[in-house]
Amino acid sequence: PTLPLSLVGPPPIDFLPASPQPQSMEASAPSQAPLVCPGHSRGVVQLSYSNPTPDGVFLISACLDSKPMLRRGETGDWIGTFEGHKGAVWSARLDTPALRAATGAADFTARLWDALSGDELHQFNCAHIVKSVHFSPDSRQLLCAGKFKKLKLFDVDKLSALQEIEGHTAGVKHALFIGDGAKAVSGGEDKTLRVWDLKSNKEIQAIEVQKEITSVDLTQDGSVVTVTAGTQVHFWDANKMEMIKTLDCPIVNPTLGGNVKVQDITSASLSPDKKKFIAGGPADQAWPDPWVHVFDYETGTEVECNKGHHGHVWDVAFAPDGETYASGADDGTIRIWQTNPGKPAAE
């Protein structure tokens, strides 16, 4: 069935197939042409899939153009645009049943939306740039983080502030609920991954990393937190609350022939079957990295490298079934890739 979605804003350009990949790395993986989802006018900085719902899977994108968009997760087809923010939107998420959306932006607000109609439901004033929003598993609370150096927790039913948690010494880029929602994990500019007990407001773990934390991602089953910092990717067990392993996976930009110094990873996502992880490269180099890199989870070896974007890749995310993954880049497009290119489609 089709959801009765009628969100604000004109539809972007028609959904287009990509041109074939012009070149690929020397790995054995076959090259692939991704599905291309245009529509944004600036960099796509965060992508987030919904949980599976009776109406399918949805994909929400945060963008520097201030207009987060909702799409069908399987095809990338545009559903609607959430209009209202007055600055770059850094984070966008859907709640567990995909009925409400939350966004965080440079206009110092986190906003709550009706994901069916596109109507804005509420604005939470955070007093500084919001870099991260995340719903609790029961969809009743919203966790926000940003330049204000602390975590802010809101009740999305009563539309009220619940608590603030201090401990970070610099801006926080990502904060996620873990487990049943009684704990959270966060990281950012102070080069420390912090774990919090939300009932006591106490920090229960602090893990120092190589550089500032550029992404924090949770697997579909909630069991593994993937963290990028510098050239390292950390995999942390959210159930046992201990580090599984750290892989050093420096990005080499094939555009430059591989003859450049290693570059940092800026985002990563672990596949649901925990066999591969995908990663995007840096923006702050003279030559931005437009490739989507695929690594073997066990060894950290790069096994595939996909070209399609025309700007550095801000964020990557696996779909819940692991069959595809999405990348968002500075070229304003989202691209959806096959995890196992060449694999026959399931009937």
C-alpha atoms as a PDB file:
ATOM      1  CA  PRO A   1       0.000   0.000   0.000  1.00  0.00           C
ATOM      2  CA  THR A   2       1.046   3.570  -0.574  1.00  0.00           C
ATOM      3  CA  LEU A   3       1.229   5.972   2.336  1.00  0.00           C
ATOM      4  CA  PRO A   4      -0.949   9.102   1.989  1.00  0.00           C
ATOM      5  CA  LEU A   5       2.089  11.366   1.940  1.00  0.00           C
ATOM      6  CA  SER A   6       1.660  14.923   0.803  1.00  0.00           C
ATOM      7  CA  LEU A   7       4.659  16.862   2.031  1.00  0.00           C
ATOM      8  CA  VAL A   8       5.411  20.497   1.376  1.00  0.00           C
ATOM      9  CA  GLY A   9       7.560  21.608  -1.541  1.00  0.00           C
ATOM     10  CA  PRO A  10       7.928  20.889  -5.221  1.00  0.00           C
ATOM     11  CA  PRO A  11       9.305  17.525  -6.285  1.00  0.00           C
ATOM     12  CA  PRO A  12      12.924  17.588  -7.448  1.00  0.00           C
ATOM     13  CA  ILE A  13      14.113  16.403 -10.833  1.00  0.00           C
ATOM     14  CA  ASP A  14      12.789  13.048 -11.949  1.00  0.00           C
ATOM     15  CA  PHE A  15      14.536  10.011 -10.548  1.00  0.00           C
ATOM     16  CA  LEU A  16      17.345   9.168 -12.972  1.00  0.00           C
ATOM     17  CA  PRO A  17      19.551   6.138 -13.562  1.00  0.00           C
ATOM     18  CA  ALA A  18      23.270   6.719 -13.250  1.00  0.00           C
ATOM     19  CA  SER A  19      25.703   6.595 -16.117  1.00  0.00           C
ATOM     20  CA  PRO A  20      27.954   3.526 -15.994  1.00  0.00           C
ATOM     21  CA  GLN A  21      30.895   3.700 -13.641  1.00  0.00           C
ATOM     22  CA  PRO A  22      33.860   5.023 -15.627  1.00  0.00           C
ATOM     23  CA  GLN A  23      36.484   3.115 -13.699  1.00  0.00           C
ATOM     24  CA  SER A  24      36.822   0.798 -10.750  1.00  0.00           C
ATOM     25  CA  MET A  25      39.531  -0.303  -8.368  1.00  0.00           C
ATOM     26  CA  GLU A  26      41.643  -3.337  -9.042  1.00  0.00           C
ATOM     27  CA  ALA A  27      39.577  -5.515  -6.736  1.00  0.00           C
ATOM     28  CA  SER A  28      37.583  -8.424  -8.083  1.00  0.00           C
ATOM     29  CA  ALA A  29      34.225  -6.854  -7.254  1.00  0.00           C
ATOM     30  CA  PRO A  30      32.301  -5.958 -10.417  1.00  0.00           C
ATOM     31  CA  SER A  31      31.682  -2.296 -11.111  1.00  0.00           C
ATOM     32  CA  GLN A  32      28.149  -1.024 -10.687  1.00  0.00           C
ATOM     33  CA  ALA A  33      26.005   1.919 -11.661  1.00  0.00           C
ATOM     34  CA  PRO A  34      24.068   3.201  -8.641  1.00  0.00           C
ATOM     35  CA  LEU A  35      20.556   4.582  -8.540  1.00  0.00           C
ATOM     36  CA  VAL A  36      20.858   8.374  -8.441  1.00  0.00           C
ATOM     37  CA  CYS A  37      18.488  10.497  -6.359  1.00  0.00           C
ATOM     38  CA  PRO A  38      18.777  14.200  -7.220  1.00  0.00           C
ATOM     39  CA  GLY A  39      16.822  17.030  -5.633  1.00  0.00           C
ATOM     40  CA  HIS A  40      19.045  18.612  -3.010  1.00  0.00           C
ATOM     41  CA  SER A  41      20.931  21.766  -3.984  1.00  0.00           C
ATOM     42  CA  ARG A  42      23.834  21.429  -1.528  1.00  0.00           C
ATOM     43  CA  GLY A  43      25.763  18.723   0.287  1.00  0.00           C
ATOM     44  CA  VAL A  44      23.837  15.768   1.750  1.00  0.00           C
ATOM     45  CA  VAL A  45      25.393  15.415   5.194  1.00  0.00           C
ATOM     46  CA  GLN A  46      23.398  12.623   6.852  1.00  0.00           C
ATOM     47  CA  LEU A  47      21.319   9.658   5.701  1.00  0.00           C
ATOM     48  CA  SER A  48      19.128   7.500   7.916  1.00  0.00           C
ATOM     49  CA  TYR A  49      16.934   4.514   7.061  1.00  0.00           C
ATOM     50  CA  SER A  50      13.736   3.749   8.931  1.00  0.00           C
ATOM     51  CA  ASN A  51      13.015   0.402  10.481  1.00  0.00           C
ATOM     52  CA  PRO A  52      11.009  -1.889   8.195  1.00  0.00           C
ATOM     53  CA  THR A  53       7.304  -0.928   8.298  1.00  0.00           C
ATOM     54  CA  PRO A  54       4.143  -2.404   6.721  1.00  0.00           C
ATOM     55  CA  ASP A  55       4.553   0.280   4.038  1.00  0.00           C
ATOM     56  CA  GLY A  56       8.204  -0.475   3.322  1.00  0.00           C
ATOM     57  CA  VAL A  57      11.468   1.174   4.318  1.00  0.00           C
ATOM     58  CA  PHE A  58      12.047   4.924   4.159  1.00  0.00           C
ATOM     59  CA  LEU A  59      15.185   7.023   3.795  1.00  0.00           C
ATOM     60  CA  ILE A  60      15.506  10.521   5.242  1.00  0.00           C
ATOM     61  CA  SER A  61      18.287  12.927   4.298  1.00  0.00           C
ATOM     62  CA  ALA A  62      19.746  15.970   6.047  1.00  0.00           C
ATOM     63  CA  CYS A  63      21.213  18.617   3.782  1.00  0.00           C
ATOM     64  CA  LEU A  64      23.039  21.937   3.892  1.00  0.00           C
ATOM     65  CA  ASP A  65      20.246  23.387   1.708  1.00  0.00           C
ATOM     66  CA  SER A  66      17.983  23.436   4.835  1.00  0.00           C
ATOM     67  CA  LYS A  67      15.423  21.091   3.264  1.00  0.00           C
ATOM     68  CA  PRO A  68      15.456  17.507   4.555  1.00  0.00           C
ATOM     69  CA  MET A  69      13.783  15.009   2.244  1.00  0.00           C
ATOM     70  CA  LEU A  70      11.943  11.732   2.644  1.00  0.00           C
ATOM     71  CA  ARG A  71      12.300   8.937   0.062  1.00  0.00           C
ATOM     72  CA  ARG A  72      11.424   5.318  -0.444  1.00  0.00           C
ATOM     73  CA  GLY A  73      14.338   3.324   0.852  1.00  0.00           C
ATOM     74  CA  GLU A  74      14.170   0.609  -1.793  1.00  0.00           C
ATOM     75  CA  THR A  75      14.100   2.860  -4.867  1.00  0.00           C
ATOM     76  CA  GLY A  76      15.110   6.324  -3.700  1.00  0.00           C
ATOM     77  CA  ASP A  77      11.888   7.780  -5.130  1.00  0.00           C
ATOM     78  CA  TRP A  78      11.118  11.180  -3.638  1.00  0.00           C
ATOM     79  CA  ILE A  79       8.127  11.344  -1.274  1.00  0.00           C
ATOM     80  CA  GLY A  80       8.354  14.827   0.186  1.00  0.00           C
ATOM     81  CA  THR A  81      10.362  17.713   1.604  1.00  0.00           C
ATOM     82  CA  PHE A  82      10.169  19.118   5.134  1.00  0.00           C
ATOM     83  CA  GLU A  83      10.090  22.925   4.786  1.00  0.00           C
ATOM     84  CA  GLY A  84      10.809  25.322   7.647  1.00  0.00           C
ATOM     85  CA  HIS A  85      14.431  25.368   8.808  1.00  0.00           C
ATOM     86  CA  LYS A  86      16.363  28.628   8.388  1.00  0.00           C
ATOM     87  CA  GLY A  87      19.825  27.093   8.184  1.00  0.00           C
ATOM     88  CA  ALA A  88      21.780  24.014   7.207  1.00  0.00           C
ATOM     89  CA  VAL A  89      20.212  20.792   8.458  1.00  0.00           C
ATOM     90  CA  TRP A  90      22.863  18.515   9.944  1.00  0.00           C
ATOM     91  CA  SER A  91      20.775  15.571  11.133  1.00  0.00           C
ATOM     92  CA  ALA A  92      17.480  13.896  10.231  1.00  0.00           C
ATOM     93  CA  ARG A  93      15.911  10.759  11.704  1.00  0.00           C
ATOM     94  CA  LEU A  94      12.634   8.829  11.698  1.00  0.00           C
ATOM     95  CA  ASP A  95      11.055   7.317  14.788  1.00  0.00           C
ATOM     96  CA  THR A  96      10.600   3.565  15.164  1.00  0.00           C
ATOM     97  CA  PRO A  97       7.265   3.263  13.250  1.00  0.00           C
ATOM     98  CA  ALA A  98       8.377   5.985  10.766  1.00  0.00           C
ATOM     99  CA  LEU A  99       5.389   8.175  11.663  1.00  0.00           C
ATOM    100  CA  ARG A 100       7.382  11.156  12.922  1.00  0.00           C
ATOM    101  CA  ALA A 101      10.635  12.737  11.818  1.00  0.00           C
ATOM    102  CA  ALA A 102      13.142  14.863  13.706  1.00  0.00           C
ATOM    103  CA  THR A 103      15.712  17.255  12.303  1.00  0.00           C
ATOM    104  CA  GLY A 104      18.532  19.315  13.791  1.00  0.00           C
ATOM    105  CA  ALA A 105      19.933  22.441  12.191  1.00  0.00           C
ATOM    106  CA  ALA A 106      22.183  25.489  12.248  1.00  0.00           C
ATOM    107  CA  ASP A 107      19.170  27.661  13.156  1.00  0.00           C
ATOM    108  CA  PHE A 108      19.631  26.417  16.760  1.00  0.00           C
ATOM    109  CA  THR A 109      16.481  24.263  16.626  1.00  0.00           C
ATOM    110  CA  ALA A 110      15.576  20.606  16.607  1.00  0.00           C
ATOM    111  CA  ARG A 111      12.198  20.150  14.921  1.00  0.00           C
ATOM    112  CA  LEU A 112       9.584  17.447  15.144  1.00  0.00           C
ATOM    113  CA  TRP A 113       7.515  16.615  12.048  1.00  0.00           C
ATOM    114  CA  ASP A 114       4.545  14.500  11.044  1.00  0.00           C
ATOM    115  CA  ALA A 115       6.128  12.116   8.533  1.00  0.00           C
ATOM    116  CA  LEU A 116       2.792  11.422   6.828  1.00  0.00           C
ATOM    117  CA  SER A 117       1.677  15.000   6.179  1.00  0.00           C
ATOM    118  CA  GLY A 118       4.983  16.868   6.401  1.00  0.00           C
ATOM    119  CA  ASP A 119       3.520  19.248   9.006  1.00  0.00           C
ATOM    120  CA  GLU A 120       5.870  20.711  11.596  1.00  0.00           C
ATOM    121  CA  LEU A 121       4.729  19.615  15.066  1.00  0.00           C
ATOM    122  CA  HIS A 122       7.160  21.451  17.324  1.00  0.00           C
ATOM    123  CA  GLN A 123      10.438  23.329  17.624  1.00  0.00           C
ATOM    124  CA  PHE A 124      12.884  22.589  20.448  1.00  0.00           C
ATOM    125  CA  ASN A 125      15.224  25.514  21.079  1.00  0.00           C
ATOM    126  CA  CYS A 126      18.763  24.262  21.690  1.00  0.00           C
ATOM    127  CA  ALA A 127      20.521  27.695  21.868  1.00  0.00           C
ATOM    128  CA  HIS A 128      23.273  26.642  19.445  1.00  0.00           C
ATOM    129  CA  ILE A 129      23.846  24.601  16.276  1.00  0.00           C
ATOM    130  CA  VAL A 130      22.239  21.132  16.459  1.00  0.00           C
ATOM    131  CA  LYS A 131      24.409  18.439  14.877  1.00  0.00           C
ATOM    132  CA  SER A 132      22.579  15.274  15.935  1.00  0.00           C
ATOM    133  CA  VAL A 133      19.036  14.080  16.651  1.00  0.00           C
ATOM    134  CA  HIS A 134      17.938  10.535  17.546  1.00  0.00           C
ATOM    135  CA  PHE A 135      14.665   8.965  18.745  1.00  0.00           C
ATOM    136  CA  SER A 136      14.531   6.543  21.651  1.00  0.00           C
ATOM    137  CA  PRO A 137      13.464   2.972  20.752  1.00  0.00           C
ATOM    138  CA  ASP A 138       9.957   3.651  22.138  1.00  0.00           C
ATOM    139  CA  SER A 139       9.805   6.908  20.089  1.00  0.00           C
ATOM    140  CA  ARG A 140       8.869   8.944  23.177  1.00  0.00           C
ATOM    141  CA  GLN A 141      12.134  10.828  23.647  1.00  0.00           C
ATOM    142  CA  LEU A 142      14.478  12.801  21.411  1.00  0.00           C
ATOM    143  CA  LEU A 143      18.215  13.063  22.075  1.00  0.00           C
ATOM    144  CA  CYS A 144      19.942  16.160  20.693  1.00  0.00           C
ATOM    145  CA  ALA A 145      23.588  17.151  20.575  1.00  0.00           C
ATOM    146  CA  GLY A 146      25.640  19.850  18.927  1.00  0.00           C
ATOM    147  CA  LYS A 147      27.848  22.878  19.385  1.00  0.00           C
ATOM    148  CA  PHE A 148      26.361  23.400  22.859  1.00  0.00           C
ATOM    149  CA  LYS A 149      28.783  20.713  24.184  1.00  0.00           C
ATOM    150  CA  LYS A 150      26.118  18.736  26.028  1.00  0.00           C
ATOM    151  CA  LEU A 151      23.299  16.274  25.417  1.00  0.00           C
ATOM    152  CA  LYS A 152      19.723  17.529  25.585  1.00  0.00           C
ATOM    153  CA  LEU A 153      16.827  15.144  26.096  1.00  0.00           C
ATOM    154  CA  PHE A 154      13.241  16.057  25.163  1.00  0.00           C
ATOM    155  CA  ASP A 155       9.848  14.422  25.666  1.00  0.00           C
ATOM    156  CA  VAL A 156       8.240  14.298  22.201  1.00  0.00           C
ATOM    157  CA  ASP A 157       4.773  13.485  23.542  1.00  0.00           C
ATOM    158  CA  LYS A 158       4.617  16.318  26.069  1.00  0.00           C
ATOM    159  CA  LEU A 159       6.885  18.522  23.877  1.00  0.00           C
ATOM    160  CA  SER A 160       9.004  19.457  26.881  1.00  0.00           C
ATOM    161  CA  ALA A 161      12.644  19.404  27.963  1.00  0.00           C
ATOM    162  CA  LEU A 162      13.620  16.499  30.210  1.00  0.00           C
ATOM    163  CA  GLN A 163      17.276  16.894  31.086  1.00  0.00           C
ATOM    164  CA  GLU A 164      20.698  18.095  30.013  1.00  0.00           C
ATOM    165  CA  ILE A 165      23.861  16.044  30.380  1.00  0.00           C
ATOM    166  CA  GLU A 166      27.252  17.703  30.662  1.00  0.00           C
ATOM    167  CA  GLY A 167      30.669  16.123  30.265  1.00  0.00           C
ATOM    168  CA  HIS A 168      31.927  16.809  26.757  1.00  0.00           C
ATOM    169  CA  THR A 169      34.543  19.559  26.543  1.00  0.00           C
ATOM    170  CA  ALA A 170      33.855  20.527  22.918  1.00  0.00           C
ATOM    171  CA  GLY A 171      31.108  20.290  20.323  1.00  0.00           C
ATOM    172  CA  VAL A 172      29.256  16.972  20.048  1.00  0.00           C
ATOM    173  CA  LYS A 173      28.690  15.680  16.506  1.00  0.00           C
ATOM    174  CA  HIS A 174      26.731  12.507  17.207  1.00  0.00           C
ATOM    175  CA  ALA A 175      24.631  11.084  20.042  1.00  0.00           C
ATOM    176  CA  LEU A 176      22.578   7.887  19.880  1.00  0.00           C
ATOM    177  CA  PHE A 177      20.345   5.925  22.242  1.00  0.00           C
ATOM    178  CA  ILE A 178      21.558   2.364  22.789  1.00  0.00           C
ATOM    179  CA  GLY A 179      19.879  -0.716  24.242  1.00  0.00           C
ATOM    180  CA  ASP A 180      16.381  -0.070  25.531  1.00  0.00           C
ATOM    181  CA  GLY A 181      16.959   3.682  25.588  1.00  0.00           C
ATOM    182  CA  ALA A 182      18.301   3.929  29.135  1.00  0.00           C
ATOM    183  CA  LYS A 183      21.827   4.589  27.868  1.00  0.00           C
ATOM    184  CA  ALA A 184      23.377   6.726  25.151  1.00  0.00           C
ATOM    185  CA  VAL A 185      26.694   7.015  23.341  1.00  0.00           C
ATOM    186  CA  SER A 186      28.139  10.256  21.992  1.00  0.00           C
ATOM    187  CA  GLY A 187      31.256  11.645  20.356  1.00  0.00           C
ATOM    188  CA  GLY A 188      32.662  14.715  18.704  1.00  0.00           C
ATOM    189  CA  GLU A 189      35.386  17.300  18.782  1.00  0.00           C
ATOM    190  CA  ASP A 190      36.926  16.320  22.155  1.00  0.00           C
ATOM    191  CA  LYS A 191      38.249  13.031  20.678  1.00  0.00           C
ATOM    192  CA  THR A 192      36.363  10.932  23.228  1.00  0.00           C
ATOM    193  CA  LEU A 193      33.550   8.418  22.821  1.00  0.00           C
ATOM    194  CA  ARG A 194      31.390   8.748  25.931  1.00  0.00           C
ATOM    195  CA  VAL A 195      28.747   6.360  27.257  1.00  0.00           C
ATOM    196  CA  TRP A 196      25.987   7.699  29.492  1.00  0.00           C
ATOM    197  CA  ASP A 197      23.440   6.345  31.946  1.00  0.00           C
ATOM    198  CA  LEU A 198      20.411   8.512  31.164  1.00  0.00           C
ATOM    199  CA  LYS A 199      18.652   7.647  34.426  1.00  0.00           C
ATOM    200  CA  SER A 200      21.443   8.984  36.617  1.00  0.00           C
ATOM    201  CA  ASN A 201      22.910  11.464  34.070  1.00  0.00           C
ATOM    202  CA  LYS A 202      26.309   9.909  34.797  1.00  0.00           C
ATOM    203  CA  GLU A 203      29.104   9.110  32.372  1.00  0.00           C
ATOM    204  CA  ILE A 204      29.874   5.396  32.661  1.00  0.00           C
ATOM    205  CA  GLN A 205      32.616   5.064  30.032  1.00  0.00           C
ATOM    206  CA  ALA A 206      35.042   7.360  28.215  1.00  0.00           C
ATOM    207  CA  ILE A 207      37.124   6.000  25.336  1.00  0.00           C
ATOM    208  CA  GLU A 208      39.807   8.262  23.887  1.00  0.00           C
ATOM    209  CA  VAL A 209      40.393   7.979  20.137  1.00  0.00           C
ATOM    210  CA  GLN A 210      42.903   9.157  17.534  1.00  0.00           C
ATOM    211  CA  LYS A 211      41.229  12.368  16.396  1.00  0.00           C
ATOM    212  CA  GLU A 212      37.838  14.032  16.651  1.00  0.00           C
ATOM    213  CA  ILE A 213      34.937  11.666  16.096  1.00  0.00           C
ATOM    214  CA  THR A 214      33.343  12.231  12.699  1.00  0.00           C
ATOM    215  CA  SER A 215      30.579   9.609  12.727  1.00  0.00           C
ATOM    216  CA  VAL A 216      28.740   7.263  15.091  1.00  0.00           C
ATOM    217  CA  ASP A 217      26.477   4.629  13.544  1.00  0.00           C
ATOM    218  CA  LEU A 218      24.337   1.855  15.027  1.00  0.00           C
ATOM    219  CA  THR A 219      23.701  -1.481  13.312  1.00  0.00           C
ATOM    220  CA  GLN A 220      20.101  -2.371  12.497  1.00  0.00           C
ATOM    221  CA  ASP A 221      19.894  -4.790  15.441  1.00  0.00           C
ATOM    222  CA  GLY A 222      21.407  -2.208  17.795  1.00  0.00           C
ATOM    223  CA  SER A 223      24.285  -4.491  18.781  1.00  0.00           C
ATOM    224  CA  VAL A 224      27.319  -2.682  17.336  1.00  0.00           C
ATOM    225  CA  VAL A 225      28.285   0.987  17.367  1.00  0.00           C
ATOM    226  CA  THR A 226      30.606   1.986  14.500  1.00  0.00           C
ATOM    227  CA  VAL A 227      32.772   5.038  15.186  1.00  0.00           C
ATOM    228  CA  THR A 228      35.169   6.859  12.841  1.00  0.00           C
ATOM    229  CA  ALA A 229      38.061   8.989  14.068  1.00  0.00           C
ATOM    230  CA  GLY A 230      41.091   9.815  11.958  1.00  0.00           C
ATOM    231  CA  THR A 231      42.097   6.794   9.870  1.00  0.00           C
ATOM    232  CA  GLN A 232      40.573   4.385  12.387  1.00  0.00           C
ATOM    233  CA  VAL A 233      37.196   2.665  12.542  1.00  0.00           C
ATOM    234  CA  HIS A 234      36.142   1.435  15.985  1.00  0.00           C
ATOM    235  CA  PHE A 235      33.520  -1.255  16.563  1.00  0.00           C
ATOM    236  CA  TRP A 236      32.001  -1.164  20.048  1.00  0.00           C
ATOM    237  CA  ASP A 237      29.652  -3.803  21.480  1.00  0.00           C
ATOM    238  CA  ALA A 238      26.545  -1.983  22.718  1.00  0.00           C
ATOM    239  CA  ASN A 239      25.384  -4.972  24.766  1.00  0.00           C
ATOM    240  CA  LYS A 240      28.623  -5.916  26.524  1.00  0.00           C
ATOM    241  CA  MET A 241      29.716  -2.241  26.513  1.00  0.00           C
ATOM    242  CA  GLU A 242      33.226  -3.046  25.371  1.00  0.00           C
ATOM    243  CA  MET A 243      35.346  -2.432  22.295  1.00  0.00           C
ATOM    244  CA  ILE A 244      35.230  -5.314  19.818  1.00  0.00           C
ATOM    245  CA  LYS A 245      38.130  -4.072  17.714  1.00  0.00           C
ATOM    246  CA  THR A 246      39.726  -1.102  16.008  1.00  0.00           C
ATOM    247  CA  LEU A 247      40.809  -1.222  12.372  1.00  0.00           C
ATOM    248  CA  ASP A 248      43.207   1.214  10.756  1.00  0.00           C
ATOM    249  CA  CYS A 249      41.698   1.875   7.330  1.00  0.00           C
ATOM    250  CA  PRO A 250      43.270   4.951   5.746  1.00  0.00           C
ATOM    251  CA  ILE A 251      41.461   6.201   2.663  1.00  0.00           C
ATOM    252  CA  VAL A 252      43.440   6.327  -0.566  1.00  0.00           C
ATOM    253  CA  ASN A 253      41.759   8.488  -3.200  1.00  0.00           C
ATOM    254  CA  PRO A 254      41.961   6.616  -6.555  1.00  0.00           C
ATOM    255  CA  THR A 255      41.423   9.903  -8.405  1.00  0.00           C
ATOM    256  CA  LEU A 256      45.013  10.795  -7.551  1.00  0.00           C
ATOM    257  CA  GLY A 257      46.411   7.455  -8.633  1.00  0.00           C
ATOM    258  CA  GLY A 258      46.934   6.316  -5.061  1.00  0.00           C
ATOM    259  CA  ASN A 259      50.115   8.359  -4.768  1.00  0.00           C
ATOM    260  CA  VAL A 260      49.025  10.636  -1.944  1.00  0.00           C
ATOM    261  CA  LYS A 261      49.323  10.500   1.811  1.00  0.00           C
ATOM    262  CA  VAL A 262      46.586   8.616   3.606  1.00  0.00           C
ATOM    263  CA  GLN A 263      43.383  10.456   4.402  1.00  0.00           C
ATOM    264  CA  ASP A 264      40.910  10.203   7.251  1.00  0.00           C
ATOM    265  CA  ILE A 265      37.626   8.338   7.141  1.00  0.00           C
ATOM    266  CA  THR A 266      34.683  10.657   7.786  1.00  0.00           C
ATOM    267  CA  SER A 267      31.793   8.167   7.963  1.00  0.00           C
ATOM    268  CA  ALA A 268      31.239   4.413   8.154  1.00  0.00           C
ATOM    269  CA  SER A 269      28.375   1.927   8.424  1.00  0.00           C
ATOM    270  CA  LEU A 270      28.518  -1.798   9.230  1.00  0.00           C
ATOM    271  CA  SER A 271      26.358  -4.216   7.238  1.00  0.00           C
ATOM    272  CA  PRO A 272      23.591  -6.066   9.121  1.00  0.00           C
ATOM    273  CA  ASP A 273      25.382  -9.403   8.588  1.00  0.00           C
ATOM    274  CA  LYS A 274      28.621  -7.801   9.894  1.00  0.00           C
ATOM    275  CA  LYS A 275      30.667  -8.953   6.905  1.00  0.00           C
ATOM    276  CA  LYS A 276      31.379  -5.571   5.297  1.00  0.00           C
ATOM    277  CA  PHE A 277      31.480  -1.937   6.218  1.00  0.00           C
ATOM    278  CA  ILE A 278      31.274   1.063   3.933  1.00  0.00           C
ATOM    279  CA  ALA A 279      33.084   4.350   4.334  1.00  0.00           C
ATOM    280  CA  GLY A 280      33.348   7.861   2.937  1.00  0.00           C
ATOM    281  CA  GLY A 281      36.486   9.967   2.701  1.00  0.00           C
ATOM    282  CA  PRO A 282      37.433  13.495   3.685  1.00  0.00           C
ATOM    283  CA  ALA A 283      36.368  16.939   2.581  1.00  0.00           C
ATOM    284  CA  ASP A 284      39.199  18.998   3.953  1.00  0.00           C
ATOM    285  CA  GLN A 285      41.853  18.000   1.445  1.00  0.00           C
ATOM    286  CA  ALA A 286      42.935  19.776  -1.715  1.00  0.00           C
ATOM    287  CA  TRP A 287      41.401  16.851  -3.597  1.00  0.00           C
ATOM    288  CA  PRO A 288      38.085  15.775  -2.047  1.00  0.00           C
ATOM    289  CA  ASP A 289      37.401  12.043  -2.206  1.00  0.00           C
ATOM    290  CA  PRO A 290      34.225  11.246  -4.231  1.00  0.00           C
ATOM    291  CA  TRP A 291      34.509   7.460  -3.879  1.00  0.00           C
ATOM    292  CA  VAL A 292      32.487   5.089  -1.718  1.00  0.00           C
ATOM    293  CA  HIS A 293      34.848   2.568  -0.138  1.00  0.00           C
ATOM    294  CA  VAL A 294      33.866  -0.966   0.899  1.00  0.00           C
ATOM    295  CA  PHE A 295      35.939  -2.884   3.444  1.00  0.00           C
ATOM    296  CA  ASP A 296      36.002  -6.432   4.746  1.00  0.00           C
ATOM    297  CA  TYR A 297      34.949  -6.351   8.415  1.00  0.00           C
ATOM    298  CA  GLU A 298      37.252  -9.157   9.536  1.00  0.00           C
ATOM    299  CA  THR A 299      40.470  -7.883   7.966  1.00  0.00           C
ATOM    300  CA  GLY A 300      39.908  -4.193   7.286  1.00  0.00           C
ATOM    301  CA  THR A 301      40.995  -4.733   3.673  1.00  0.00           C
ATOM    302  CA  GLU A 302      39.336  -2.550   1.038  1.00  0.00           C
ATOM    303  CA  VAL A 303      37.451  -4.856  -1.342  1.00  0.00           C
ATOM    304  CA  GLU A 304      35.496  -2.429  -3.507  1.00  0.00           C
ATOM    305  CA  CYS A 305      35.639   1.229  -4.467  1.00  0.00           C
ATOM    306  CA  ASN A 306      32.667   2.867  -6.178  1.00  0.00           C
ATOM    307  CA  LYS A 307      32.791   6.023  -8.270  1.00  0.00           C
ATOM    308  CA  GLY A 308      29.683   8.028  -9.016  1.00  0.00           C
ATOM    309  CA  HIS A 309      29.646  11.160  -6.894  1.00  0.00           C
ATOM    310  CA  HIS A 310      31.122  14.460  -8.017  1.00  0.00           C
ATOM    311  CA  GLY A 311      32.003  15.718  -4.559  1.00  0.00           C
ATOM    312  CA  HIS A 312      33.265  14.219  -1.316  1.00  0.00           C
ATOM    313  CA  VAL A 313      31.035  11.685   0.445  1.00  0.00           C
ATOM    314  CA  TRP A 314      29.569  13.078   3.670  1.00  0.00           C
ATOM    315  CA  ASP A 315      27.694  10.025   4.934  1.00  0.00           C
ATOM    316  CA  VAL A 316      26.960   6.365   4.197  1.00  0.00           C
ATOM    317  CA  ALA A 317      24.267   4.040   5.562  1.00  0.00           C
ATOM    318  CA  PHE A 318      23.242   0.420   5.073  1.00  0.00           C
ATOM    319  CA  ALA A 319      19.589  -0.402   4.379  1.00  0.00           C
ATOM    320  CA  PRO A 320      17.959  -2.616   7.049  1.00  0.00           C
ATOM    321  CA  ASP A 321      18.076  -5.741   4.863  1.00  0.00           C
ATOM    322  CA  GLY A 322      21.735  -5.155   3.953  1.00  0.00           C
ATOM    323  CA  GLU A 323      21.055  -5.664   0.253  1.00  0.00           C
ATOM    324  CA  THR A 324      21.774  -2.030  -0.580  1.00  0.00           C
ATOM    325  CA  TYR A 325      23.463   0.997   0.953  1.00  0.00           C
ATOM    326  CA  ALA A 326      23.186   4.713   0.370  1.00  0.00           C
ATOM    327  CA  SER A 327      25.731   7.507   0.140  1.00  0.00           C
ATOM    328  CA  GLY A 328      25.197  11.256   0.391  1.00  0.00           C
ATOM    329  CA  ALA A 329      27.726  13.686  -1.015  1.00  0.00           C
ATOM    330  CA  ASP A 330      28.692  17.288  -1.581  1.00  0.00           C
ATOM    331  CA  ASP A 331      27.241  17.109  -5.111  1.00  0.00           C
ATOM    332  CA  GLY A 332      23.723  17.211  -3.624  1.00  0.00           C
ATOM    333  CA  THR A 333      22.835  13.668  -4.672  1.00  0.00           C
ATOM    334  CA  ILE A 334      22.061  10.444  -2.866  1.00  0.00           C
ATOM    335  CA  ARG A 335      23.210   7.252  -4.541  1.00  0.00           C
ATOM    336  CA  ILE A 336      21.944   3.769  -3.741  1.00  0.00           C
ATOM    337  CA  TRP A 337      24.353   0.896  -4.351  1.00  0.00           C
ATOM    338  CA  GLN A 338      24.057  -2.892  -4.375  1.00  0.00           C
ATOM    339  CA  THR A 339      25.946  -4.615  -1.585  1.00  0.00           C
ATOM    340  CA  ASN A 340      26.653  -7.614  -3.824  1.00  0.00           C
ATOM    341  CA  PRO A 341      26.740  -6.266  -7.406  1.00  0.00           C
ATOM    342  CA  GLY A 342      25.988  -8.912  -9.993  1.00  0.00           C
ATOM    343  CA  LYS A 343      23.975 -11.017  -7.537  1.00  0.00           C
ATOM    344  CA  PRO A 344      20.706 -12.229  -9.141  1.00  0.00           C
ATOM    345  CA  ALA A 345      17.655 -10.425  -7.821  1.00  0.00           C
ATOM    346  CA  ALA A 346      15.467 -12.428  -5.462  1.00  0.00           C
ATOM    347  CA  GLU A 347      12.181 -13.508  -6.984  1.00  0.00           C
END
